[in-house]
Amino acid sequence: MEKIDFGVAWEWEYDRDFINFIISECLNDSMTFLPIHPKNFEEVNRKIEERALTFRTYLDRAGDILEPFAQLTGKLRSRGAWVVNYAKDVERSRDKATMHLEFLTKGLHVPFTVILSPYDKDPELRMSELEHLGRPFIIKPACGGGGVGVVMGAENLMDVIEARKEFRQDKYLLQNKIIPKYLNNRRAWFRSFYVCGKVISCWWDDQTHLYEPITPQEMKNYRLHKLREIMKAISEVSRLNFFSSEIAIDNADDKFTVVDYVNEPCDMRVKSVHPDGVPDSVVREVVNALLDGVKKKLKRKKK
């Protein structure tokens, strides 16, 4: 049986550069690597079924869209492969209502939030539930992603009623809008990546969606080491090895506030191709951290 050190399932066309970075680093480290894409899925799946091929470690970036990929990931895990993010943990972490409550229990600072039952279960809404929300406020479906269904400038009860009808069987979160403080004319809003124990943080402008790396001097001057502590706490709650979160320093109280809880899979488009992508140097840092995590698992498997 052929045993591949690391496999990555992918289907999004914009993942190509990320995959090429992984290929390059695997070659440098003499690791065997096989990407699985809809174009070669049938062949790879057949070899796995015939037990002619298996993976020691595996990352699934396609199973949330394509069910056969999710089934393959489950099969590989049952046969002993280390899967970077376990599907049940991913599903649980995508529920913002669940994460909100667990973050509070963990002691993480989050926006003031009202959690509403699904519209089809409880369509009634009382004005008293909106009393402590500022104006404007934010409306989010609990299990949505990519900004789908999010209302950034809600003002009243009717906005909430209309928003809840879009995903009638999902819970909704109503949240205070966080206004970040400024650090040397920069909005103190960050996107941090947690990758197999390493935390990599960037400036991320919530208005322009543009990234910039944080320099070591900025990390020191603005005491941004707190981002690392927060991300490690989120990893303990989510039980994920590779995800990103948005964190801002709230201008109202100077606290580091987790604004967008857990994003998985991470958008790894590169800035050299997409202006709102992740800086290439950061993508390489993410890839190296991911492969460091893979190598640790491979060493343990060989013992």
Protein backbone atom coordinates (compact mmCIF):
# COMPACT_ATOMS: atom_id res chain seq x y z
CA MET A 1 0.00 0.00 0.00
CA GLU A 2 1.26 3.48 -0.89
CA LYS A 3 1.27 5.80 2.13
CA ILE A 4 1.22 9.55 1.43
CA ASP A 5 2.57 11.79 4.19
CA PHE A 6 0.09 14.61 3.63
CA GLY A 7 -3.04 15.07 1.54
CA VAL A 8 -5.21 18.15 1.01
CA ALA A 9 -8.71 18.02 -0.47
CA TRP A 10 -9.68 21.23 -2.27
CA GLU A 11 -12.28 22.40 -4.79
CA TRP A 12 -12.20 26.24 -4.69
CA GLU A 13 -10.33 27.61 -7.70
CA TYR A 14 -8.73 30.33 -5.55
CA ASP A 15 -6.98 27.72 -3.41
CA ARG A 16 -4.56 26.94 -6.24
CA ASP A 17 -1.77 29.25 -5.01
CA PHE A 18 -2.12 27.91 -1.46
CA ILE A 19 -1.81 24.35 -2.77
CA ASN A 20 1.24 25.30 -4.86
CA PHE A 21 2.90 26.76 -1.75
CA ILE A 22 2.29 23.46 0.06
CA ILE A 23 3.70 21.46 -2.87
CA SER A 24 6.85 23.60 -2.87
CA GLU A 25 7.44 23.24 0.88
CA CYS A 26 6.74 19.50 0.84
CA LEU A 27 9.37 19.07 -1.87
CA ASN A 28 11.85 21.04 0.24
CA ASP A 29 11.12 18.79 3.23
CA SER A 30 11.13 15.54 1.21
CA MET A 31 7.53 14.88 2.24
CA THR A 32 5.14 13.03 -0.06
CA PHE A 33 2.07 15.11 -0.84
CA LEU A 34 -1.07 14.52 -2.90
CA PRO A 35 -3.77 17.13 -3.51
CA ILE A 36 -7.27 15.73 -4.06
CA HIS A 37 -9.51 17.72 -6.40
CA PRO A 38 -12.77 16.88 -8.21
CA LYS A 39 -10.65 16.08 -11.27
CA ASN A 40 -8.78 13.21 -9.56
CA PHE A 41 -11.22 12.36 -6.78
CA GLU A 42 -12.66 9.21 -8.37
CA GLU A 43 -9.23 7.73 -9.01
CA VAL A 44 -7.93 8.52 -5.52
CA ASN A 45 -11.12 7.28 -3.86
CA ARG A 46 -10.95 4.02 -5.83
CA LYS A 47 -7.35 3.40 -4.73
CA ILE A 48 -8.30 4.07 -1.12
CA GLU A 49 -11.27 1.69 -1.40
CA GLU A 50 -8.94 -0.97 -2.82
CA ARG A 51 -6.46 -0.24 0.01
CA ALA A 52 -3.79 0.58 -2.54
CA LEU A 53 -3.40 4.10 -1.14
CA THR A 54 -3.76 5.88 2.17
CA PHE A 55 -2.75 9.13 3.89
CA ARG A 56 -0.89 9.57 7.15
CA THR A 57 -2.18 13.14 7.63
CA TYR A 58 -4.98 14.99 5.86
CA LEU A 59 -6.63 18.41 5.53
CA ASP A 60 -10.15 18.67 4.07
CA ARG A 61 -10.99 21.99 2.39
CA ALA A 62 -13.74 20.54 0.17
CA GLY A 63 -16.01 18.44 2.39
CA ASP A 64 -18.14 21.42 3.45
CA ILE A 65 -19.20 21.81 -0.22
CA LEU A 66 -18.95 18.29 -1.66
CA GLU A 67 -20.38 15.42 0.39
CA PRO A 68 -18.21 12.67 -1.23
CA PHE A 69 -15.13 14.51 0.05
CA ALA A 70 -16.59 14.61 3.56
CA GLN A 71 -17.23 10.86 3.39
CA LEU A 72 -13.65 10.27 2.23
CA THR A 73 -12.30 12.29 5.16
CA GLY A 74 -14.34 10.21 7.59
CA LYS A 75 -13.05 7.01 5.99
CA LEU A 76 -9.42 8.12 6.23
CA ARG A 77 -9.82 9.12 9.87
CA SER A 78 -11.37 5.75 10.69
CA ARG A 79 -8.29 4.11 9.15
CA GLY A 80 -5.87 6.03 11.33
CA ALA A 81 -5.07 9.22 9.38
CA TRP A 82 -4.57 12.38 11.44
CA VAL A 83 -7.18 14.83 10.14
CA VAL A 84 -6.16 18.44 10.83
CA ASN A 85 -9.71 19.53 11.71
CA TYR A 86 -12.18 16.85 12.80
CA ALA A 87 -15.54 17.29 11.01
CA LYS A 88 -17.65 17.20 14.20
CA ASP A 89 -15.52 19.93 15.75
CA VAL A 90 -15.79 22.03 12.58
CA GLU A 91 -19.57 21.72 12.56
CA ARG A 92 -19.78 22.66 16.23
CA SER A 93 -17.43 25.63 15.87
CA ARG A 94 -19.50 27.09 13.01
CA ASP A 95 -22.45 27.61 15.36
CA LYS A 96 -21.84 31.18 16.54
CA ALA A 97 -24.46 30.87 19.29
CA THR A 98 -22.68 27.87 20.80
CA MET A 99 -19.27 29.52 20.46
CA HIS A 100 -20.55 32.74 22.02
CA LEU A 101 -21.68 30.96 25.16
CA GLU A 102 -18.51 28.86 25.38
CA PHE A 103 -16.31 31.93 24.85
CA LEU A 104 -18.05 33.65 27.77
CA THR A 105 -17.45 30.58 29.93
CA LYS A 106 -13.78 30.64 28.87
CA GLY A 107 -13.49 34.28 29.92
CA LEU A 108 -13.07 35.69 26.42
CA HIS A 109 -14.40 39.19 25.75
CA VAL A 110 -17.16 39.23 23.10
CA PRO A 111 -19.72 41.83 21.96
CA PHE A 112 -22.95 42.14 23.94
CA THR A 113 -25.22 39.63 22.24
CA VAL A 114 -28.87 38.58 22.20
CA ILE A 115 -29.38 35.02 20.91
CA LEU A 116 -32.73 34.34 19.23
CA SER A 117 -34.37 30.98 18.59
CA PRO A 118 -35.08 30.00 14.95
CA TYR A 119 -37.95 31.99 13.43
CA ASP A 120 -39.93 28.84 12.60
CA LYS A 121 -39.71 27.77 16.26
CA ASP A 122 -40.37 31.12 17.93
CA PRO A 123 -41.29 33.98 15.58
CA GLU A 124 -42.23 36.36 18.41
CA LEU A 125 -39.73 39.06 19.34
CA ARG A 126 -40.01 41.51 22.19
CA MET A 127 -38.68 45.06 22.18
CA SER A 128 -37.17 44.40 25.62
CA GLU A 129 -34.67 42.04 23.93
CA LEU A 130 -33.32 44.98 21.91
CA GLU A 131 -33.09 47.51 24.75
CA HIS A 132 -29.40 47.00 25.54
CA LEU A 133 -28.23 46.97 21.92
CA GLY A 134 -26.71 50.14 20.56
CA ARG A 135 -27.78 51.61 17.23
CA PRO A 136 -26.89 50.51 14.66
CA PHE A 137 -26.43 46.85 15.65
CA ILE A 138 -25.47 43.68 13.79
CA ILE A 139 -27.67 40.70 12.89
CA LYS A 140 -25.99 37.34 12.17
CA PRO A 141 -27.36 33.86 11.43
CA ALA A 142 -25.72 31.49 13.92
CA CYS A 143 -24.53 28.97 11.35
CA GLY A 144 -23.90 31.23 8.36
CA GLY A 145 -20.53 31.90 6.79
CA GLY A 146 -18.83 34.30 4.42
CA GLY A 147 -21.05 37.18 5.51
CA VAL A 148 -24.19 35.56 4.07
CA GLY A 149 -27.30 36.79 5.86
CA VAL A 150 -25.39 39.34 7.97
CA VAL A 151 -26.95 42.79 8.42
CA MET A 152 -24.33 45.32 9.49
CA GLY A 153 -26.53 48.38 10.09
CA ALA A 154 -29.73 47.18 11.73
CA GLU A 155 -31.76 49.88 13.48
CA ASN A 156 -35.09 48.45 14.62
CA LEU A 157 -37.40 45.52 15.26
CA MET A 158 -38.52 45.25 11.62
CA ASP A 159 -34.91 44.79 10.49
CA VAL A 160 -34.62 41.80 12.83
CA ILE A 161 -37.93 40.27 11.75
CA GLU A 162 -37.01 40.48 8.06
CA ALA A 163 -33.47 39.15 8.60
CA ARG A 164 -34.69 36.10 10.55
CA LYS A 165 -36.94 35.06 7.67
CA GLU A 166 -33.92 34.43 5.40
CA PHE A 167 -32.78 31.37 7.37
CA ARG A 168 -35.96 30.48 9.23
CA GLN A 169 -34.55 27.34 10.90
CA ASP A 170 -31.34 28.95 12.16
CA LYS A 171 -30.71 30.78 15.42
CA TYR A 172 -29.75 34.46 15.12
CA LEU A 173 -27.35 36.69 17.04
CA LEU A 174 -28.01 40.39 17.59
CA GLN A 175 -24.76 42.10 18.55
CA ASN A 176 -23.47 45.50 19.55
CA LYS A 177 -21.42 47.04 16.76
CA ILE A 178 -17.78 47.26 17.84
CA ILE A 179 -16.01 50.50 17.00
CA PRO A 180 -12.25 49.87 17.13
CA LYS A 181 -9.75 52.29 18.58
CA TYR A 182 -6.99 53.66 16.36
CA LEU A 183 -3.32 52.80 16.75
CA ASN A 184 -1.14 55.29 14.88
CA ASN A 185 -3.95 56.04 12.36
CA ARG A 186 -4.73 52.33 11.92
CA ARG A 187 -7.99 50.66 12.91
CA ALA A 188 -7.16 48.19 15.68
CA TRP A 189 -8.83 45.28 13.94
CA PHE A 190 -6.96 42.03 13.34
CA ARG A 191 -7.33 38.67 11.69
CA SER A 192 -5.35 35.97 13.44
CA PHE A 193 -4.62 32.47 12.17
CA TYR A 194 -4.18 29.54 14.52
CA VAL A 195 -2.12 26.84 12.80
CA CYS A 196 -1.14 23.71 14.73
CA GLY A 197 -0.17 25.62 17.85
CA LYS A 198 1.26 28.72 16.17
CA VAL A 199 -0.56 32.06 16.03
CA ILE A 200 0.02 34.37 13.05
CA SER A 201 -1.70 37.76 13.18
CA CYS A 202 -2.30 40.54 10.63
CA TRP A 203 -3.84 43.96 10.58
CA TRP A 204 -7.19 43.49 8.82
CA ASP A 205 -9.30 46.53 8.01
CA ASP A 206 -12.97 45.64 8.53
CA GLN A 207 -13.98 48.41 6.09
CA THR A 208 -11.58 47.80 3.20
CA HIS A 209 -10.90 44.09 3.95
CA LEU A 210 -7.21 44.69 3.29
CA TYR A 211 -4.45 42.86 5.18
CA GLU A 212 -1.04 44.03 6.32
CA PRO A 213 1.50 42.00 8.31
CA ILE A 214 2.14 43.08 11.90
CA THR A 215 5.80 43.92 12.40
CA PRO A 216 7.67 42.70 15.52
CA GLN A 217 8.01 46.32 16.63
CA GLU A 218 4.25 46.92 16.30
CA MET A 219 3.60 43.72 18.22
CA LYS A 220 5.76 45.07 21.05
CA ASN A 221 4.67 48.73 20.94
CA TYR A 222 0.93 47.97 21.00
CA ARG A 223 1.17 44.91 23.27
CA LEU A 224 -0.47 42.71 20.68
CA HIS A 225 0.84 39.52 22.30
CA LYS A 226 -2.68 39.33 23.75
CA LEU A 227 -3.83 38.10 20.32
CA ARG A 228 -1.78 34.94 20.84
CA GLU A 229 -3.37 34.27 24.22
CA ILE A 230 -6.87 34.76 22.81
CA MET A 231 -6.30 32.48 19.82
CA LYS A 232 -4.93 29.71 22.00
CA ALA A 233 -8.02 29.98 24.20
CA ILE A 234 -10.25 29.80 21.10
CA SER A 235 -8.37 26.71 19.93
CA GLU A 236 -9.13 25.03 23.25
CA VAL A 237 -12.83 25.84 22.92
CA SER A 238 -13.15 24.93 19.23
CA ARG A 239 -10.74 21.95 19.33
CA LEU A 240 -9.53 22.96 15.84
CA ASN A 241 -5.93 23.01 14.61
CA PHE A 242 -6.35 25.44 11.70
CA PHE A 243 -8.76 28.39 11.72
CA SER A 244 -8.90 32.18 11.81
CA SER A 245 -10.71 34.72 13.99
CA GLU A 246 -11.30 38.47 13.90
CA ILE A 247 -10.30 40.39 17.01
CA ALA A 248 -10.62 44.15 17.60
CA ILE A 249 -9.60 46.50 20.38
CA ASP A 250 -12.88 48.11 21.40
CA ASN A 251 -12.62 51.90 21.57
CA ALA A 252 -15.27 51.94 24.32
CA ASP A 253 -13.31 49.96 26.91
CA ASP A 254 -9.87 49.24 25.37
CA LYS A 255 -10.52 45.48 25.55
CA PHE A 256 -9.48 42.91 22.96
CA THR A 257 -12.85 41.68 21.69
CA VAL A 258 -13.45 38.58 19.56
CA VAL A 259 -15.68 39.88 16.78
CA ASP A 260 -15.86 36.97 14.33
CA TYR A 261 -15.47 33.75 16.24
CA VAL A 262 -14.18 30.83 14.15
CA ASN A 263 -13.59 30.77 10.39
CA GLU A 264 -12.90 27.36 8.82
CA PRO A 265 -11.76 26.81 6.14
CA CYS A 266 -9.58 29.92 6.10
CA ASP A 267 -9.54 32.10 2.99
CA MET A 268 -5.92 31.70 1.81
CA ARG A 269 -6.00 33.76 -1.40
CA VAL A 270 -2.64 35.47 -1.86
CA LYS A 271 -2.28 39.25 -1.96
CA SER A 272 0.04 39.17 -4.98
CA VAL A 273 -2.93 37.96 -7.05
CA HIS A 274 -5.92 39.32 -5.09
CA PRO A 275 -5.66 42.81 -3.53
CA ASP A 276 -7.79 41.73 -0.55
CA GLY A 277 -5.88 38.47 -0.13
CA VAL A 278 -3.53 37.40 2.65
CA PRO A 279 0.05 38.74 2.29
CA ASP A 280 2.17 36.11 0.49
CA SER A 281 4.69 36.08 3.34
CA VAL A 282 1.88 35.29 5.79
CA VAL A 283 0.52 32.50 3.58
CA ARG A 284 4.02 30.96 3.52
CA GLU A 285 4.20 31.28 7.30
CA VAL A 286 0.82 29.53 7.58
CA VAL A 287 1.99 26.73 5.25
CA ASN A 288 5.21 26.25 7.24
CA ALA A 289 3.28 26.11 10.53
CA LEU A 290 0.84 23.62 9.02
CA LEU A 291 3.65 21.39 7.79
CA ASP A 292 5.44 21.65 11.13
CA GLY A 293 2.28 20.29 12.72
CA VAL A 294 2.10 17.52 10.11
CA LYS A 295 5.76 16.57 10.68
CA LYS A 296 5.19 16.29 14.44
CA LYS A 297 2.32 13.90 13.81
CA LEU A 298 4.37 11.88 11.33
CA LYS A 299 7.18 11.48 13.87
CA ARG A 300 4.73 10.21 16.48
CA LYS A 301 3.25 7.73 14.01
CA LYS A 302 6.68 6.28 13.23
CA LYS A 303 7.49 5.62 16.91
